[in-house]
Protein backbone atom coordinates (compact mmCIF):
# COMPACT_ATOMS: atom_id res chain seq x y z
CA MET A 1 -116.83 -255.41 98.87
CA ASP A 2 -115.75 -256.76 102.21
CA ASP A 3 -112.00 -256.99 102.59
CA HIS A 4 -112.02 -258.37 106.11
CA SER A 5 -111.52 -261.90 104.85
CA GLU A 6 -108.32 -261.00 103.00
CA PRO A 7 -105.01 -261.10 104.93
CA ARG A 8 -103.79 -257.93 106.64
CA TRP A 9 -100.55 -256.84 108.18
CA THR A 10 -100.24 -256.62 112.01
CA VAL A 11 -98.39 -253.64 113.52
CA ILE A 12 -96.01 -254.78 116.19
CA GLY A 13 -94.08 -251.51 116.68
CA ARG A 14 -93.77 -247.98 115.39
CA SER A 15 -91.25 -245.16 115.78
CA VAL A 16 -90.95 -241.71 114.21
CA ALA A 17 -88.24 -241.87 111.53
CA TYR A 18 -88.39 -238.16 110.64
CA ASP A 19 -90.46 -235.25 112.01
CA GLY A 20 -90.26 -231.91 110.16
CA ARG A 21 -92.60 -230.40 107.60
CA VAL A 22 -93.25 -234.10 106.83
CA THR A 23 -93.66 -236.84 109.50
CA LEU A 24 -92.43 -240.25 108.49
CA VAL A 25 -93.29 -243.16 110.86
CA ASP A 26 -91.44 -246.50 110.61
CA HIS A 27 -93.90 -249.29 111.23
CA THR A 28 -92.60 -252.73 112.16
CA VAL A 29 -95.18 -255.16 110.84
CA LEU A 30 -95.89 -258.91 110.83
CA LEU A 31 -96.83 -260.04 107.29
CA PRO A 32 -99.51 -262.68 106.64
CA ASP A 33 -96.80 -265.28 105.97
CA GLY A 34 -95.35 -264.72 109.46
CA SER A 35 -92.30 -262.73 108.34
CA GLN A 36 -91.47 -259.35 109.82
CA SER A 37 -90.87 -256.17 107.78
CA SER A 38 -90.39 -252.45 108.15
CA TYR A 39 -92.69 -249.96 106.33
CA GLU A 40 -92.48 -246.19 106.34
CA VAL A 41 -95.75 -244.29 106.33
CA ASP A 42 -96.38 -240.57 105.83
CA GLU A 43 -98.39 -239.44 108.89
CA SER A 44 -97.79 -235.69 108.35
CA VAL A 45 -101.34 -234.57 108.93
CA PRO A 46 -104.57 -236.23 110.18
CA PHE A 47 -106.27 -235.30 106.80
CA SER A 48 -106.25 -232.87 103.97
CA VAL A 49 -108.92 -230.88 102.30
CA ALA A 50 -109.43 -229.32 98.87
CA THR A 51 -112.38 -227.40 97.45
CA LEU A 52 -113.50 -226.78 93.86
CA VAL A 53 -115.20 -223.41 93.78
CA VAL A 54 -117.61 -222.91 90.83
CA ASP A 55 -118.79 -219.41 89.93
CA GLY A 56 -121.17 -219.62 86.97
CA ALA A 57 -119.21 -220.86 83.96
CA ASP A 58 -115.89 -220.32 85.80
CA VAL A 59 -113.94 -222.08 88.46
CA LEU A 60 -111.68 -220.43 91.01
CA LEU A 61 -108.34 -222.23 91.30
CA SER A 62 -105.08 -221.56 93.01
CA ARG A 63 -101.78 -221.28 91.19
CA GLN A 64 -98.72 -222.18 93.23
CA TYR A 65 -95.09 -222.99 92.81
CA ARG A 66 -94.54 -226.58 93.88
CA TYR A 67 -90.88 -227.05 94.81
CA ALA A 68 -90.90 -230.85 94.74
CA ILE A 69 -91.63 -230.81 91.02
CA ASP A 70 -90.05 -227.37 90.31
CA ARG A 71 -93.02 -225.94 88.55
CA TRP A 72 -96.03 -223.67 88.84
CA ILE A 73 -99.30 -225.63 88.78
CA TYR A 74 -103.03 -225.12 88.94
CA ASP A 75 -104.57 -226.78 91.96
CA LEU A 76 -107.45 -226.51 94.36
CA PRO A 77 -107.21 -224.33 97.48
CA GLY A 78 -106.64 -226.63 100.42
CA GLY A 79 -104.20 -228.09 102.87
CA GLY A 80 -103.74 -230.06 106.00
CA GLY A 81 -106.34 -230.30 108.78
CA GLN A 82 -105.69 -230.19 112.50
CA ALA A 83 -106.48 -233.22 114.74
CA ASP A 84 -109.23 -231.30 116.54
CA GLU A 85 -110.70 -229.76 113.34
CA ASP A 86 -113.70 -230.88 111.28
CA PRO A 87 -112.84 -231.29 107.55
CA ARG A 88 -115.54 -228.82 106.53
CA THR A 89 -114.13 -226.21 108.95
CA ALA A 90 -110.60 -226.89 107.57
CA ALA A 91 -111.86 -226.41 103.98
CA GLN A 92 -113.51 -223.11 104.94
CA ARG A 93 -110.30 -221.92 106.66
CA GLU A 94 -108.13 -222.90 103.71
CA LEU A 95 -110.41 -221.06 101.28
CA GLU A 96 -110.25 -217.91 103.25
CA GLU A 97 -106.44 -218.24 103.84
CA GLU A 98 -105.44 -219.05 100.27
CA LEU A 99 -108.04 -217.31 98.05
CA GLY A 100 -109.57 -214.80 100.38
CA ILE A 101 -113.14 -216.11 99.95
CA VAL A 102 -115.83 -217.33 102.33
CA PRO A 103 -118.17 -219.75 100.54
CA ASP A 104 -121.93 -219.46 100.86
CA ASP A 105 -122.20 -223.21 100.56
CA LEU A 106 -119.77 -226.01 100.96
CA ARG A 107 -120.78 -229.58 100.14
CA HIS A 108 -118.75 -232.75 100.64
CA LEU A 109 -118.00 -234.26 97.25
CA HIS A 110 -115.78 -237.30 98.01
CA THR A 111 -113.01 -238.66 100.30
CA PHE A 112 -110.01 -240.43 98.77
CA PHE A 113 -106.40 -241.25 99.59
CA MET A 114 -103.74 -239.49 97.57
CA ASN A 115 -101.07 -242.17 98.00
CA PRO A 116 -102.60 -245.18 99.79
CA GLY A 117 -99.31 -247.04 99.35
CA ARG A 118 -97.40 -244.67 101.65
CA ALA A 119 -99.70 -242.03 103.22
CA ALA A 120 -102.22 -242.68 105.99
CA TRP A 121 -104.34 -239.60 105.64
CA PRO A 122 -107.47 -239.10 103.55
CA THR A 123 -108.24 -236.05 101.36
CA HIS A 124 -111.75 -234.66 101.83
CA LEU A 125 -112.96 -232.91 98.62
CA PHE A 126 -115.62 -230.28 98.77
CA ILE A 127 -117.48 -228.26 96.16
CA SER A 128 -118.98 -224.78 96.35
CA THR A 129 -121.43 -223.59 93.69
CA ALA A 130 -123.68 -221.05 95.39
CA GLY A 131 -121.51 -217.95 95.68
CA PHE A 132 -119.07 -216.47 98.17
CA THR A 133 -118.00 -213.21 99.85
CA TRP A 134 -114.51 -211.82 99.67
CA ALA A 135 -112.26 -211.82 102.64
CA ARG A 136 -108.56 -211.07 103.07
CA PRO A 137 -106.16 -213.96 102.23
CA ASP A 138 -103.51 -214.92 104.81
CA ALA A 139 -100.00 -214.49 103.52
CA SER A 140 -98.19 -215.50 106.74
CA ASP A 141 -96.42 -218.49 105.29
CA PRO A 142 -93.67 -217.21 102.91
CA ALA A 143 -93.23 -220.65 101.39
CA GLU A 144 -96.91 -220.61 100.38
CA GLN A 145 -97.47 -218.07 97.58
CA VAL A 146 -100.91 -218.67 96.28
CA ARG A 147 -102.40 -216.81 93.38
CA LEU A 148 -106.15 -216.85 92.69
CA VAL A 149 -106.97 -217.77 89.11
CA ARG A 150 -110.47 -217.42 87.61
CA MET A 151 -110.76 -219.84 84.67
CA ARG A 152 -113.56 -220.88 82.35
CA LEU A 153 -114.54 -224.48 82.93
CA VAL A 154 -114.03 -225.28 79.26
CA GLU A 155 -110.43 -223.95 79.59
CA LEU A 156 -109.82 -226.18 82.58
CA ASP A 157 -111.25 -229.15 80.62
CA ALA A 158 -108.84 -228.40 77.76
CA LEU A 159 -105.85 -228.26 80.19
CA ILE A 160 -106.85 -231.57 81.77
CA SER A 161 -107.34 -233.21 78.35
CA ARG A 162 -103.91 -232.05 77.28
CA GLY A 163 -102.30 -233.41 80.41
CA LEU A 164 -101.35 -229.97 81.69
CA VAL A 165 -103.11 -230.38 85.06
CA VAL A 166 -101.10 -232.58 87.47
CA ASP A 167 -102.88 -231.97 90.75
CA PRO A 168 -104.84 -235.11 91.69
CA PRO A 169 -107.57 -233.41 93.80
CA LEU A 170 -108.29 -230.99 90.98
CA ILE A 171 -108.63 -233.86 88.44
CA VAL A 172 -110.74 -235.98 90.84
CA ALA A 173 -112.98 -232.97 91.82
CA ARG A 174 -113.61 -232.14 88.13
CA ALA A 175 -114.56 -235.75 87.29
CA LEU A 176 -116.76 -236.10 90.40
CA GLY A 177 -118.34 -232.73 89.85
CA ALA A 178 -119.54 -234.09 86.53
CA ALA A 179 -120.52 -237.52 87.86
CA THR A 180 -122.65 -236.01 90.60
CA GLY A 181 -124.37 -233.46 88.27
CA TYR A 182 -122.76 -230.33 89.87
CA LEU A 183 -120.86 -229.74 86.58
CA PRO A 184 -121.37 -230.67 82.90
CA PRO A 185 -119.45 -233.59 81.55
CA LEU A 186 -115.75 -233.11 80.88
CA ARG A 187 -115.27 -231.69 77.38
CA PRO A 188 -112.09 -233.02 75.75
CA VAL A 189 -109.89 -230.82 73.50
CA GLY A 190 -111.51 -230.20 70.11
CA THR A 191 -115.14 -230.67 71.20
CA ARG A 192 -117.88 -228.04 71.80
């Protein structure tokens, strides 16, 4: 589908509204009807990465406390990439830093936008299914306390089906893993 024929906004100015752990940029835009507006965009990182690691009938996930929602969640190991970094390299770095593993294979699964209404950066999803070697995780960021969790795929499916998984990259990776044939179809609660 070609969206070039549909009206777009024109950026006529931009300024950093906030720059900390998050970077918000205030864009002054000209709307298709000729009116001017202001729109804040999260430009915190150039991109993010996340990887679903499959080890036989298990998946290796991270478990982290997420302050913004005040709860511990299951999610995929990953994080922000650097401007001069390739997404695959960033995914490998994040796997080693967070879970202490170096994957034997790393395949691109999909690229999507977590919040296309307010964030400018894509999330690159990867999948690893051919094994890994252990390394030493990096615990240098005290705000990032990551626990490695080995979970049966059927248990993950049950958590997703019951609405207990809230991390979008994990849900998308599970669905795309099945759609691409890397994983069996999602098994809802109560099925075998």
